[in-house]
């Protein structure tokens, strides 16, 4: 469906921007209006990006093989969404970090720029070549 195609491109670009260009220290609690630095905006983009990535696996853009053409953008959206949701959880959590959450933080948050770059590349390539088989 073209709706999921558009959502995938737009949300991968936004989530990739958040992860690649904005650091964790730039997150703020702005109550005076809409801001891209707002924690809630990043959480909403994360949830929508992960949901769109999951739904993108089931509704292909076109072509004969459904999953392969949208696999790269879908996985990028799911990963970006998971990282943004985890950052929101970590900023709101009052529970001390355990050994498992430290491992997750080490893996996800230290590689956020790489995942953000992958999402930006996926958004641009998926926009330019929507029906390529292995994108």
Foldseek 3Di string as FASTA:
>chain_A
DVVLLVLLLVLLLLLLCCLAVPALVQADPDPPDDDSSHLVVLLVSLVSLLVSLVVQCVQAPDDDDRRQLCVQSSVLSNLSSVLSNVSSCVVPDPDDDDPVVVVVCVVNNVCSNVSSVSSNVCSVVCVVCVPDRHD
